[in-house]
PDB file of N, CA and C in Angstrom:
ATOM      1  N   VAL A   1       1.049  -0.809   0.185  1.00  0.00           N
ATOM      2  CA  VAL A   1       0.088   0.089  -0.175  1.00  0.00           C
ATOM      3  C   VAL A   1       1.110   1.209  -0.327  1.00  0.00           C
ATOM      4  N   VAL A   2       0.577   1.756  -0.780  1.00  0.00           N
ATOM      5  CA  VAL A   2       1.557   3.513  -1.116  1.00  0.00           C
ATOM      6  C   VAL A   2       0.448   4.535  -0.627  1.00  0.00           C
ATOM      7  N   PHE A   3       0.869   5.308   0.303  1.00  0.00           N
ATOM      8  CA  PHE A   3      -0.499   6.310   0.621  1.00  0.00           C
ATOM      9  C   PHE A   3       0.140   7.807  -0.370  1.00  0.00           C
ATOM     10  N   ASP A   4      -0.163   7.740  -1.075  1.00  0.00           N
ATOM     11  CA  ASP A   4      -0.364   8.639  -1.950  1.00  0.00           C
ATOM     12  C   ASP A   4      -0.490  10.287  -1.639  1.00  0.00           C
ATOM     13  N   GLN A   5      -1.478  10.806  -1.246  1.00  0.00           N
ATOM     14  CA  GLN A   5      -2.113  11.686  -0.173  1.00  0.00           C
ATOM     15  C   GLN A   5      -2.802  11.344   0.626  1.00  0.00           C
ATOM     16  N   PRO A   6      -2.905  12.272   1.506  1.00  0.00           N
ATOM     17  CA  PRO A   6      -4.101  12.177   2.378  1.00  0.00           C
ATOM     18  C   PRO A   6      -5.228  11.515   2.248  1.00  0.00           C
ATOM     19  N   GLY A   7      -5.463  10.254   2.539  1.00  0.00           N
ATOM     20  CA  GLY A   7      -6.770   9.700   2.351  1.00  0.00           C
ATOM     21  C   GLY A   7      -6.960   8.659   0.715  1.00  0.00           C
ATOM     22  N   THR A   8      -5.395   8.784  -0.100  1.00  0.00           N
ATOM     23  CA  THR A   8      -5.695   7.912  -1.018  1.00  0.00           C
ATOM     24  C   THR A   8      -4.310   7.278  -1.114  1.00  0.00           C
ATOM     25  N   TYR A   9      -4.791   6.223  -1.481  1.00  0.00           N
ATOM     26  CA  TYR A   9      -3.780   5.204  -1.396  1.00  0.00           C
ATOM     27  C   TYR A   9      -3.570   4.367  -2.821  1.00  0.00           C
ATOM     28  N   THR A  10      -2.449   3.447  -3.214  1.00  0.00           N
ATOM     29  CA  THR A  10      -2.485   3.090  -4.649  1.00  0.00           C
ATOM     30  C   THR A  10      -1.680   1.107  -4.021  1.00  0.00           C
ATOM     31  N   LEU A  11      -2.549   0.770  -4.490  1.00  0.00           N
ATOM     32  CA  LEU A  11      -2.212  -0.731  -3.917  1.00  0.00           C
ATOM     33  C   LEU A  11      -0.361  -1.406  -5.550  1.00  0.00           C
ATOM     34  N   ARG A  12       0.272  -1.760  -4.396  1.00  0.00           N
ATOM     35  CA  ARG A  12       1.078  -2.371  -5.896  1.00  0.00           C
ATOM     36  C   ARG A  12       2.165  -2.551  -5.193  1.00  0.00           C
ATOM     37  N   GLU A  13       2.319  -4.615  -6.287  1.00  0.00           N
ATOM     38  CA  GLU A  13       3.206  -5.590  -5.971  1.00  0.00           C
ATOM     39  C   GLU A  13       4.567  -5.279  -5.924  1.00  0.00           C
ATOM     40  N   TYR A  14       5.269  -6.060  -4.749  1.00  0.00           N
ATOM     41  CA  TYR A  14       6.987  -6.405  -5.603  1.00  0.00           C
ATOM     42  C   TYR A  14       7.315  -7.081  -5.167  1.00  0.00           C
ATOM     43  N   MET A  15       8.103  -7.717  -5.245  1.00  0.00           N
ATOM     44  CA  MET A  15       8.435  -9.395  -4.714  1.00  0.00           C
ATOM     45  C   MET A  15      10.068  -9.435  -3.894  1.00  0.00           C
ATOM     46  N   ALA A  16       9.518  -9.372  -2.969  1.00  0.00           N
ATOM     47  CA  ALA A  16      10.811  -9.494  -1.956  1.00  0.00           C
ATOM     48  C   ALA A  16      12.096 -10.874  -2.055  1.00  0.00           C
ATOM     49  N   PRO A  17      13.138 -11.206  -1.970  1.00  0.00           N
ATOM     50  CA  PRO A  17      13.972 -12.159  -1.714  1.00  0.00           C
ATOM     51  C   PRO A  17      13.404 -13.398  -1.296  1.00  0.00           C
ATOM     52  N   ASP A  18      13.203 -14.126  -1.828  1.00  0.00           N
ATOM     53  CA  ASP A  18      12.604 -15.628  -0.426  1.00  0.00           C
ATOM     54  C   ASP A  18      13.549 -15.315   0.898  1.00  0.00           C
ATOM     55  N   LEU A  19      12.918 -15.583   1.890  1.00  0.00           N
ATOM     56  CA  LEU A  19      14.213 -16.024   3.275  1.00  0.00           C
ATOM     57  C   LEU A  19      14.847 -16.653   3.021  1.00  0.00           C
ATOM     58  N   GLN A  20      14.421 -17.979   2.311  1.00  0.00           N
ATOM     59  CA  GLN A  20      15.272 -18.979   3.145  1.00  0.00           C
ATOM     60  C   GLN A  20      16.622 -18.815   1.880  1.00  0.00           C
ATOM     61  N   LYS A  21      16.806 -18.362   1.129  1.00  0.00           N
ATOM     62  CA  LYS A  21      17.836 -17.994   0.283  1.00  0.00           C
ATOM     63  C   LYS A  21      18.337 -16.837  -0.005  1.00  0.00           C
ATOM     64  N   LEU A  22      18.362 -15.660   1.507  1.00  0.00           N
ATOM     65  CA  LEU A  22      18.749 -15.063   2.095  1.00  0.00           C
ATOM     66  C   LEU A  22      19.290 -15.481   2.483  1.00  0.00           C
ATOM     67  N   ARG A  23      19.137 -16.156   3.898  1.00  0.00           N
ATOM     68  CA  ARG A  23      19.704 -16.882   5.123  1.00  0.00           C
ATOM     69  C   ARG A  23      21.143 -17.853   4.084  1.00  0.00           C
ATOM     70  N   GLU A  24      20.936 -18.174   3.533  1.00  0.00           N
ATOM     71  CA  GLU A  24      21.560 -18.860   2.483  1.00  0.00           C
ATOM     72  C   GLU A  24      23.014 -17.982   2.307  1.00  0.00           C
ATOM     73  N   LEU A  25      22.859 -17.500   1.551  1.00  0.00           N
ATOM     74  CA  LEU A  25      23.918 -16.290   1.066  1.00  0.00           C
ATOM     75  C   LEU A  25      24.859 -15.711   2.232  1.00  0.00           C
ATOM     76  N   MET A  26      23.482 -15.535   3.061  1.00  0.00           N
ATOM     77  CA  MET A  26      24.000 -15.269   4.625  1.00  0.00           C
ATOM     78  C   MET A  26      25.549 -15.942   5.177  1.00  0.00           C
ATOM     79  N   ARG A  27      24.684 -17.260   4.915  1.00  0.00           N
ATOM     80  CA  ARG A  27      26.122 -18.596   6.006  1.00  0.00           C
ATOM     81  C   ARG A  27      27.461 -18.693   4.854  1.00  0.00           C
ATOM     82  N   LYS A  28      27.269 -17.470   3.594  1.00  0.00           N
ATOM     83  CA  LYS A  28      28.350 -18.007   2.800  1.00  0.00           C
ATOM     84  C   LYS A  28      29.602 -16.720   3.650  1.00  0.00           C
ATOM     85  N   VAL A  29      29.007 -15.653   3.668  1.00  0.00           N
ATOM     86  CA  VAL A  29      29.582 -14.725   3.990  1.00  0.00           C
ATOM     87  C   VAL A  29      30.204 -14.872   4.870  1.00  0.00           C
ATOM     88  N   ASP A  30      32.240 -14.395   4.674  1.00  0.00           N
ATOM     89  CA  ASP A  30      32.912 -14.629   5.563  1.00  0.00           C
ATOM     90  C   ASP A  30      33.319 -13.204   6.485  1.00  0.00           C
ATOM     91  N   PHE A  31      32.574 -13.191   8.028  1.00  0.00           N
ATOM     92  CA  PHE A  31      32.706 -12.168   8.606  1.00  0.00           C
ATOM     93  C   PHE A  31      34.435 -12.276   9.489  1.00  0.00           C
ATOM     94  N   SER A  32      34.999 -12.879   9.009  1.00  0.00           N
ATOM     95  CA  SER A  32      35.929 -13.137   9.536  1.00  0.00           C
ATOM     96  C   SER A  32      37.448 -12.587   9.368  1.00  0.00           C
ATOM     97  N   GLU A  33      36.967 -11.890   7.988  1.00  0.00           N
ATOM     98  CA  GLU A  33      38.079 -11.384   7.106  1.00  0.00           C
ATOM     99  C   GLU A  33      37.603  -9.404   7.394  1.00  0.00           C
ATOM    100  N   ALA A  34      36.592  -9.327   8.163  1.00  0.00           N
ATOM    101  CA  ALA A  34      35.733  -8.207   8.395  1.00  0.00           C
ATOM    102  C   ALA A  34      37.441  -7.107   8.826  1.00  0.00           C
ATOM    103  N   THR A  35      37.342  -5.904   8.584  1.00  0.00           N
ATOM    104  CA  THR A  35      38.394  -5.205   8.404  1.00  0.00           C
ATOM    105  C   THR A  35      38.433  -3.966   9.533  1.00  0.00           C
ATOM    106  N   PRO A  36      39.667  -4.217  10.776  1.00  0.00           N
ATOM    107  CA  PRO A  36      39.299  -3.751  12.107  1.00  0.00           C
ATOM    108  C   PRO A  36      38.782  -1.837  11.699  1.00  0.00           C
ATOM    109  N   VAL A  37      38.551  -1.804  12.696  1.00  0.00           N
ATOM    110  CA  VAL A  37      37.623  -0.474  12.473  1.00  0.00           C
ATOM    111  C   VAL A  37      38.052   0.462  14.751  1.00  0.00           C
ATOM    112  N   HIS A  38      38.291   1.812  13.917  1.00  0.00           N
ATOM    113  CA  HIS A  38      38.006   2.506  15.816  1.00  0.00           C
ATOM    114  C   HIS A  38      37.188   1.467  16.574  1.00  0.00           C
ATOM    115  N   PRO A  39      38.169   1.333  17.545  1.00  0.00           N
ATOM    116  CA  PRO A  39      37.392   0.602  19.188  1.00  0.00           C
ATOM    117  C   PRO A  39      36.040   1.432  19.344  1.00  0.00           C
ATOM    118  N   ASN A  40      35.756   2.406  18.959  1.00  0.00           N
ATOM    119  CA  ASN A  40      33.941   2.766  19.681  1.00  0.00           C
ATOM    120  C   ASN A  40      32.743   2.654  18.329  1.00  0.00           C
ATOM    121  N   VAL A  41      33.607   2.415  17.547  1.00  0.00           N
ATOM    122  CA  VAL A  41      32.558   1.952  16.251  1.00  0.00           C
ATOM    123  C   VAL A  41      31.974   0.853  16.608  1.00  0.00           C
ATOM    124  N   GLY A  42      33.002  -0.192  16.866  1.00  0.00           N
ATOM    125  CA  GLY A  42      32.340  -1.684  16.991  1.00  0.00           C
ATOM    126  C   GLY A  42      32.636  -2.405  15.821  1.00  0.00           C
ATOM    127  N   ASP A  43      32.470  -3.781  16.180  1.00  0.00           N
ATOM    128  CA  ASP A  43      32.494  -4.600  15.275  1.00  0.00           C
ATOM    129  C   ASP A  43      32.219  -5.051  14.398  1.00  0.00           C
ATOM    130  N   PRO A  44      32.247  -4.903  13.020  1.00  0.00           N
ATOM    131  CA  PRO A  44      32.370  -5.102  11.648  1.00  0.00           C
ATOM    132  C   PRO A  44      31.033  -5.915  11.856  1.00  0.00           C
ATOM    133  N   SER A  45      31.680  -6.902  11.663  1.00  0.00           N
ATOM    134  CA  SER A  45      30.845  -7.971  11.970  1.00  0.00           C
ATOM    135  C   SER A  45      29.453  -7.795  12.602  1.00  0.00           C
ATOM    136  N   SER A  46      29.318  -7.482  13.501  1.00  0.00           N
ATOM    137  CA  SER A  46      28.390  -6.986  14.270  1.00  0.00           C
ATOM    138  C   SER A  46      27.444  -5.986  13.685  1.00  0.00           C
ATOM    139  N   ILE A  47      28.208  -5.139  13.180  1.00  0.00           N
ATOM    140  CA  ILE A  47      27.574  -4.050  12.537  1.00  0.00           C
ATOM    141  C   ILE A  47      26.628  -4.337  10.971  1.00  0.00           C
ATOM    142  N   GLU A  48      27.374  -5.078   9.831  1.00  0.00           N
ATOM    143  CA  GLU A  48      27.093  -6.034   8.960  1.00  0.00           C
ATOM    144  C   GLU A  48      25.599  -6.925   9.342  1.00  0.00           C
ATOM    145  N   ALA A  49      26.328  -7.448  10.623  1.00  0.00           N
ATOM    146  CA  ALA A  49      24.993  -8.492  11.207  1.00  0.00           C
ATOM    147  C   ALA A  49      23.492  -7.731  11.136  1.00  0.00           C
ATOM    148  N   GLU A  50      23.814  -6.479  11.710  1.00  0.00           N
ATOM    149  CA  GLU A  50      22.621  -5.996  12.286  1.00  0.00           C
ATOM    150  C   GLU A  50      22.439  -5.316  10.835  1.00  0.00           C
ATOM    151  N   GLN A  51      23.384  -5.096  10.425  1.00  0.00           N
ATOM    152  CA  GLN A  51      21.969  -4.190   8.184  1.00  0.00           C
ATOM    153  C   GLN A  51      21.235  -5.737   8.054  1.00  0.00           C
ATOM    154  N   VAL A  52      21.903  -6.534   8.114  1.00  0.00           N
ATOM    155  CA  VAL A  52      21.767  -7.604   7.509  1.00  0.00           C
ATOM    156  C   VAL A  52      20.057  -8.423   8.139  1.00  0.00           C
ATOM    157  N   GLU A  53      20.112  -8.439   9.332  1.00  0.00           N
ATOM    158  CA  GLU A  53      19.246  -8.529  10.094  1.00  0.00           C
ATOM    159  C   GLU A  53      17.385  -7.775   9.832  1.00  0.00           C
ATOM    160  N   GLU A  54      18.367  -5.880   9.993  1.00  0.00           N
ATOM    161  CA  GLU A  54      17.244  -4.947   9.624  1.00  0.00           C
ATOM    162  C   GLU A  54      16.623  -5.505   8.102  1.00  0.00           C
ATOM    163  N   LYS A  55      17.588  -5.330   7.575  1.00  0.00           N
ATOM    164  CA  LYS A  55      17.177  -5.883   6.142  1.00  0.00           C
ATOM    165  C   LYS A  55      15.785  -7.052   5.758  1.00  0.00           C
ATOM    166  N   VAL A  56      16.588  -8.049   6.202  1.00  0.00           N
ATOM    167  CA  VAL A  56      15.552  -9.263   6.231  1.00  0.00           C
ATOM    168  C   VAL A  56      14.040  -8.963   7.296  1.00  0.00           C
ATOM    169  N   ARG A  57      14.484  -8.023   8.201  1.00  0.00           N
ATOM    170  CA  ARG A  57      13.490  -7.612   9.294  1.00  0.00           C
ATOM    171  C   ARG A  57      12.439  -6.871   7.848  1.00  0.00           C
ATOM    172  N   GLN A  58      12.837  -6.183   7.202  1.00  0.00           N
ATOM    173  CA  GLN A  58      12.141  -4.971   6.455  1.00  0.00           C
ATOM    174  C   GLN A  58      11.846  -5.901   5.094  1.00  0.00           C
ATOM    175  N   GLN A  59      12.085  -6.600   4.894  1.00  0.00           N
ATOM    176  CA  GLN A  59      11.643  -8.367   3.731  1.00  0.00           C
ATOM    177  C   GLN A  59      10.650  -8.375   4.258  1.00  0.00           C
ATOM    178  N   VAL A  60      10.931  -9.112   5.263  1.00  0.00           N
ATOM    179  CA  VAL A  60       9.565 -10.150   5.866  1.00  0.00           C
ATOM    180  C   VAL A  60       8.260  -8.878   6.182  1.00  0.00           C
ATOM    181  N   ALA A  61       9.276  -7.894   6.838  1.00  0.00           N
ATOM    182  CA  ALA A  61       7.452  -7.262   7.007  1.00  0.00           C
ATOM    183  C   ALA A  61       7.369  -6.627   5.673  1.00  0.00           C
ATOM    184  N   HIS A  62       7.555  -6.092   4.944  1.00  0.00           N
ATOM    185  CA  HIS A  62       6.595  -6.215   3.271  1.00  0.00           C
ATOM    186  C   HIS A  62       6.151  -7.332   2.501  1.00  0.00           C
ATOM    187  N   GLN A  63       6.778  -8.616   2.878  1.00  0.00           N
ATOM    188  CA  GLN A  63       6.186  -9.324   2.554  1.00  0.00           C
ATOM    189  C   GLN A  63       4.308  -9.853   3.660  1.00  0.00           C
ATOM    190  N   LEU A  64       4.536  -9.541   4.350  1.00  0.00           N
ATOM    191  CA  LEU A  64       3.526  -9.402   5.945  1.00  0.00           C
ATOM    192  C   LEU A  64       2.387  -8.370   5.268  1.00  0.00           C
ATOM    193  N   HIS A  65       2.792  -7.431   4.310  1.00  0.00           N
ATOM    194  CA  HIS A  65       1.746  -5.873   4.197  1.00  0.00           C
ATOM    195  C   HIS A  65       1.316  -6.794   2.620  1.00  0.00           C
ATOM    196  N   GLN A  66       2.044  -7.422   2.376  1.00  0.00           N
ATOM    197  CA  GLN A  66       1.394  -7.897   0.924  1.00  0.00           C
ATOM    198  C   GLN A  66       0.502  -9.075   1.547  1.00  0.00           C
ATOM    199  N   ILE A  67       0.589  -9.834   1.936  1.00  0.00           N
ATOM    200  CA  ILE A  67      -0.515 -10.378   2.395  1.00  0.00           C
ATOM    201  C   ILE A  67      -1.315 -10.011   2.687  1.00  0.00           C
ATOM    202  N   ILE A  68      -1.644  -9.303   3.914  1.00  0.00           N
ATOM    203  CA  ILE A  68      -2.434  -8.386   4.280  1.00  0.00           C
ATOM    204  C   ILE A  68      -3.479  -7.492   3.554  1.00  0.00           C
ATOM    205  N   ALA A  69      -2.565  -6.703   2.558  1.00  0.00           N
ATOM    206  CA  ALA A  69      -3.470  -6.572   1.571  1.00  0.00           C
ATOM    207  C   ALA A  69      -3.475  -7.204   0.097  1.00  0.00           C
ATOM    208  N   LYS A  70      -3.430  -8.406   0.357  1.00  0.00           N
ATOM    209  CA  LYS A  70      -4.489  -9.158  -0.896  1.00  0.00           C
ATOM    210  C   LYS A  70      -5.308  -9.606   0.051  1.00  0.00           C
ATOM    211  N   HIS A  71      -5.275  -9.509   0.980  1.00  0.00           N
ATOM    212  CA  HIS A  71      -6.511 -10.557   1.903  1.00  0.00           C
ATOM    213  C   HIS A  71      -7.476  -9.036   2.759  1.00  0.00           C
ATOM    214  N   LYS A  72      -7.538  -8.044   2.219  1.00  0.00           N
ATOM    215  CA  LYS A  72      -8.406  -6.515   2.704  1.00  0.00           C
ATOM    216  C   LYS A  72      -9.152  -7.191   3.199  1.00  0.00           C
ATOM    217  N   ASP A  73     -10.513  -7.100   2.074  1.00  0.00           N
ATOM    218  CA  ASP A  73     -11.830  -7.426   2.587  1.00  0.00           C
ATOM    219  C   ASP A  73     -12.315  -8.331   3.392  1.00  0.00           C
ATOM    220  N   GLU A  74     -11.855  -9.466   3.262  1.00  0.00           N
ATOM    221  CA  GLU A  74     -12.179 -10.911   3.819  1.00  0.00           C
ATOM    222  C   GLU A  74     -11.556 -10.430   5.392  1.00  0.00           C
ATOM    223  N   LEU A  75     -10.214  -9.883   6.173  1.00  0.00           N
ATOM    224  CA  LEU A  75      -9.526  -9.344   6.812  1.00  0.00           C
ATOM    225  C   LEU A  75     -11.316  -8.026   7.154  1.00  0.00           C
ATOM    226  N   ALA A  76     -11.400  -7.531   7.041  1.00  0.00           N
ATOM    227  CA  ALA A  76     -12.709  -6.633   7.226  1.00  0.00           C
ATOM    228  C   ALA A  76     -13.634  -6.978   7.491  1.00  0.00           C
ATOM    229  N   ALA A  77     -14.466  -7.796   6.986  1.00  0.00           N
ATOM    230  CA  ALA A  77     -15.408  -9.005   6.767  1.00  0.00           C
ATOM    231  C   ALA A  77     -15.356  -9.187   7.996  1.00  0.00           C
ATOM    232  N   TYR A  78     -14.572  -9.960   8.884  1.00  0.00           N
ATOM    233  CA  TYR A  78     -13.922 -10.563  10.284  1.00  0.00           C
ATOM    234  C   TYR A  78     -13.702  -9.910  10.920  1.00  0.00           C
ATOM    235  N   TRP A  79     -13.429  -8.485  11.152  1.00  0.00           N
ATOM    236  CA  TRP A  79     -13.551  -7.814  11.948  1.00  0.00           C
ATOM    237  C   TRP A  79     -14.677  -7.564  12.063  1.00  0.00           C
ATOM    238  N   ARG A  80     -15.098  -6.977  11.103  1.00  0.00           N
ATOM    239  CA  ARG A  80     -17.079  -6.468  11.856  1.00  0.00           C
ATOM    240  C   ARG A  80     -17.609  -7.118  12.231  1.00  0.00           C
ATOM    241  N   ARG A  81     -17.864  -8.746  11.971  1.00  0.00           N
ATOM    242  CA  ARG A  81     -18.951  -9.189  12.402  1.00  0.00           C
ATOM    243  C   ARG A  81     -17.972  -9.659  14.098  1.00  0.00           C
ATOM    244  N   LYS A  82     -16.600  -9.281  14.556  1.00  0.00           N
ATOM    245  CA  LYS A  82     -16.110  -9.570  16.068  1.00  0.00           C
ATOM    246  C   LYS A  82     -16.204  -7.943  16.766  1.00  0.00           C
ATOM    247  N   ASP A  83     -17.244  -7.211  15.588  1.00  0.00           N
ATOM    248  CA  ASP A  83     -17.983  -5.703  16.074  1.00  0.00           C
ATOM    249  C   ASP A  83     -18.714  -5.683  15.825  1.00  0.00           C
ATOM    250  N   PRO A  84     -19.557  -6.217  16.997  1.00  0.00           N
ATOM    251  CA  PRO A  84     -21.360  -5.936  16.732  1.00  0.00           C
ATOM    252  C   PRO A  84     -22.356  -4.911  17.347  1.00  0.00           C
ATOM    253  N   THR A  85     -21.658  -4.198  17.788  1.00  0.00           N
ATOM    254  CA  THR A  85     -21.984  -2.629  18.197  1.00  0.00           C
ATOM    255  C   THR A  85     -21.295  -1.816  17.233  1.00  0.00           C
ATOM    256  N   ALA A  86     -20.370  -1.895  16.373  1.00  0.00           N
ATOM    257  CA  ALA A  86     -20.299  -0.799  15.225  1.00  0.00           C
ATOM    258  C   ALA A  86     -19.128  -0.320  15.821  1.00  0.00           C
ATOM    259  N   THR A  87     -18.457  -0.075  16.818  1.00  0.00           N
ATOM    260  CA  THR A  87     -17.548   1.226  17.701  1.00  0.00           C
ATOM    261  C   THR A  87     -16.351   1.369  16.502  1.00  0.00           C
ATOM    262  N   GLY A  88     -16.397   0.327  15.975  1.00  0.00           N
ATOM    263  CA  GLY A  88     -14.446   0.163  15.196  1.00  0.00           C
ATOM    264  C   GLY A  88     -13.201  -0.277  15.321  1.00  0.00           C
ATOM    265  N   LEU A  89     -13.477  -1.021  17.064  1.00  0.00           N
ATOM    266  CA  LEU A  89     -12.637  -1.017  17.524  1.00  0.00           C
ATOM    267  C   LEU A  89     -12.495  -2.140  18.015  1.00  0.00           C
ATOM    268  N   ILE A  90     -11.659  -3.411  18.217  1.00  0.00           N
ATOM    269  CA  ILE A  90     -11.643  -4.691  18.303  1.00  0.00           C
ATOM    270  C   ILE A  90     -10.483  -4.914  18.996  1.00  0.00           C
ATOM    271  N   SER A  91      -9.817  -5.341  19.875  1.00  0.00           N
ATOM    272  CA  SER A  91      -8.891  -5.708  20.775  1.00  0.00           C
ATOM    273  C   SER A  91      -7.868  -6.299  20.169  1.00  0.00           C
ATOM    274  N   LEU A  92      -6.558  -6.199  20.783  1.00  0.00           N
ATOM    275  CA  LEU A  92      -4.973  -6.784  19.714  1.00  0.00           C
ATOM    276  C   LEU A  92      -5.436  -7.906  19.255  1.00  0.00           C
ATOM    277  N   ASP A  93      -6.414  -9.414  20.513  1.00  0.00           N
ATOM    278  CA  ASP A  93      -5.893 -10.693  20.365  1.00  0.00           C
ATOM    279  C   ASP A  93      -7.278 -10.668  19.036  1.00  0.00           C
ATOM    280  N   ILE A  94      -8.554 -10.070  19.056  1.00  0.00           N
ATOM    281  CA  ILE A  94      -9.065 -10.815  17.990  1.00  0.00           C
ATOM    282  C   ILE A  94      -8.397 -10.370  16.286  1.00  0.00           C
ATOM    283  N   TRP A  95      -7.634  -8.770  16.280  1.00  0.00           N
ATOM    284  CA  TRP A  95      -7.086  -8.255  15.641  1.00  0.00           C
ATOM    285  C   TRP A  95      -6.100  -9.554  15.248  1.00  0.00           C
ATOM    286  N   LYS A  96      -5.281 -10.707  16.102  1.00  0.00           N
ATOM    287  CA  LYS A  96      -4.441 -11.588  15.723  1.00  0.00           C
ATOM    288  C   LYS A  96      -4.829 -12.858  15.118  1.00  0.00           C
ATOM    289  N   GLN A  97      -6.273 -13.092  15.973  1.00  0.00           N
ATOM    290  CA  GLN A  97      -6.991 -14.204  15.693  1.00  0.00           C
ATOM    291  C   GLN A  97      -7.613 -14.094  14.049  1.00  0.00           C
ATOM    292  N   GLY A  98      -8.585 -12.661  14.087  1.00  0.00           N
ATOM    293  CA  GLY A  98      -8.442 -12.526  12.006  1.00  0.00           C
ATOM    294  C   GLY A  98      -7.140 -12.832  11.119  1.00  0.00           C
ATOM    295  N   LEU A  99      -6.398 -12.299  11.377  1.00  0.00           N
ATOM    296  CA  LEU A  99      -4.558 -12.084  10.656  1.00  0.00           C
ATOM    297  C   LEU A  99      -5.046 -13.770  10.688  1.00  0.00           C
ATOM    298  N   ASN A 100      -4.634 -14.788  11.362  1.00  0.00           N
ATOM    299  CA  ASN A 100      -4.231 -16.099  11.194  1.00  0.00           C
ATOM    300  C   ASN A 100      -5.323 -16.863  10.752  1.00  0.00           C
ATOM    301  N   SER A 101      -6.551 -16.431  10.760  1.00  0.00           N
ATOM    302  CA  SER A 101      -8.326 -16.894  10.579  1.00  0.00           C
ATOM    303  C   SER A 101      -7.950 -17.138   9.489  1.00  0.00           C
ATOM    304  N   VAL A 102      -8.160 -15.740   8.610  1.00  0.00           N
ATOM    305  CA  VAL A 102      -8.355 -15.174   7.546  1.00  0.00           C
ATOM    306  C   VAL A 102      -7.379 -15.995   6.256  1.00  0.00           C
ATOM    307  N   ILE A 103      -5.807 -15.261   6.966  1.00  0.00           N
ATOM    308  CA  ILE A 103      -4.821 -15.436   5.996  1.00  0.00           C
ATOM    309  C   ILE A 103      -4.457 -17.108   5.931  1.00  0.00           C
ATOM    310  N   LYS A 104      -4.680 -18.029   7.356  1.00  0.00           N
ATOM    311  CA  LYS A 104      -4.757 -19.687   6.998  1.00  0.00           C
ATOM    312  C   LYS A 104      -3.381 -19.781   6.101  1.00  0.00           C
ATOM    313  N   LEU A 105      -1.998 -19.322   7.377  1.00  0.00           N
ATOM    314  CA  LEU A 105      -0.537 -19.583   6.403  1.00  0.00           C
ATOM    315  C   LEU A 105      -0.400 -20.973   6.920  1.00  0.00           C
ATOM    316  N   ASN A 106       0.603 -21.997   6.720  1.00  0.00           N
ATOM    317  CA  ASN A 106       1.010 -23.508   7.527  1.00  0.00           C
ATOM    318  C   ASN A 106       0.852 -23.183   8.702  1.00  0.00           C
ATOM    319  N   LYS A 107       1.563 -22.077   9.450  1.00  0.00           N
ATOM    320  CA  LYS A 107       2.302 -21.785  10.414  1.00  0.00           C
ATOM    321  C   LYS A 107       1.803 -20.532  11.034  1.00  0.00           C
ATOM    322  N   PRO A 108       0.661 -20.340  11.719  1.00  0.00           N
ATOM    323  CA  PRO A 108      -0.040 -19.283  12.512  1.00  0.00           C
ATOM    324  C   PRO A 108       1.815 -17.735  13.088  1.00  0.00           C
ATOM    325  N   ILE A 109       1.352 -16.717  12.499  1.00  0.00           N
ATOM    326  CA  ILE A 109       2.443 -15.823  13.320  1.00  0.00           C
ATOM    327  C   ILE A 109       1.778 -15.069  13.982  1.00  0.00           C
ATOM    328  N   GLU A 110       2.921 -15.230  15.050  1.00  0.00           N
ATOM    329  CA  GLU A 110       2.895 -14.125  15.957  1.00  0.00           C
ATOM    330  C   GLU A 110       2.803 -13.041  15.954  1.00  0.00           C
ATOM    331  N   TRP A 111       1.994 -12.148  15.411  1.00  0.00           N
ATOM    332  CA  TRP A 111       2.035 -10.899  14.167  1.00  0.00           C
ATOM    333  C   TRP A 111       2.609  -9.790  14.997  1.00  0.00           C
ATOM    334  N   THR A 112       2.722  -9.878  16.329  1.00  0.00           N
ATOM    335  CA  THR A 112       3.160  -8.530  17.394  1.00  0.00           C
ATOM    336  C   THR A 112       4.676  -8.933  17.648  1.00  0.00           C
ATOM    337  N   ALA A 113       4.551  -9.816  16.951  1.00  0.00           N
ATOM    338  CA  ALA A 113       6.902 -10.450  16.862  1.00  0.00           C
ATOM    339  C   ALA A 113       7.355  -9.227  15.995  1.00  0.00           C
ATOM    340  N   HIS A 114       6.611  -8.620  14.775  1.00  0.00           N
ATOM    341  CA  HIS A 114       7.313  -8.147  13.827  1.00  0.00           C
ATOM    342  C   HIS A 114       7.281  -6.712  14.129  1.00  0.00           C
ATOM    343  N   THR A 115       6.897  -6.102  15.268  1.00  0.00           N
ATOM    344  CA  THR A 115       6.697  -4.603  15.076  1.00  0.00           C
ATOM    345  C   THR A 115       7.563  -4.286  16.613  1.00  0.00           C
ATOM    346  N   ARG A 116       8.001  -3.114  16.292  1.00  0.00           N
ATOM    347  CA  ARG A 116       8.804  -2.560  17.151  1.00  0.00           C
ATOM    348  C   ARG A 116       8.243  -1.091  17.830  1.00  0.00           C
ATOM    349  N   GLU A 117       9.061  -1.009  19.284  1.00  0.00           N
ATOM    350  CA  GLU A 117       7.997  -0.367  20.478  1.00  0.00           C
ATOM    351  C   GLU A 117       8.082   0.683  20.097  1.00  0.00           C
TER     352      GLU A 117
END
């Protein structure tokens, strides 16, 4: 979902690399050959690992966004059924149940694990 202006959006699909392929590529990286840096900067391998982890996190989040957008109408209907008084509010647990129930992945996702505080 790309928000163009307030109240408008465009749905676009992007292909993200497969997570398994990224893991395989990372296993091939030799972090022992890292160039020493100033001690206050930190260990290059940990910096690179953090950057890779952040990139993987972004790609996973992007894939989750695509999945949710694909099922948006079904999700909205599910959540409306769980809000009989039409308050427009549901609990976090009902929100997660809706995602797992409607999307039906092979293994339920702990959706809140993919958020930042």
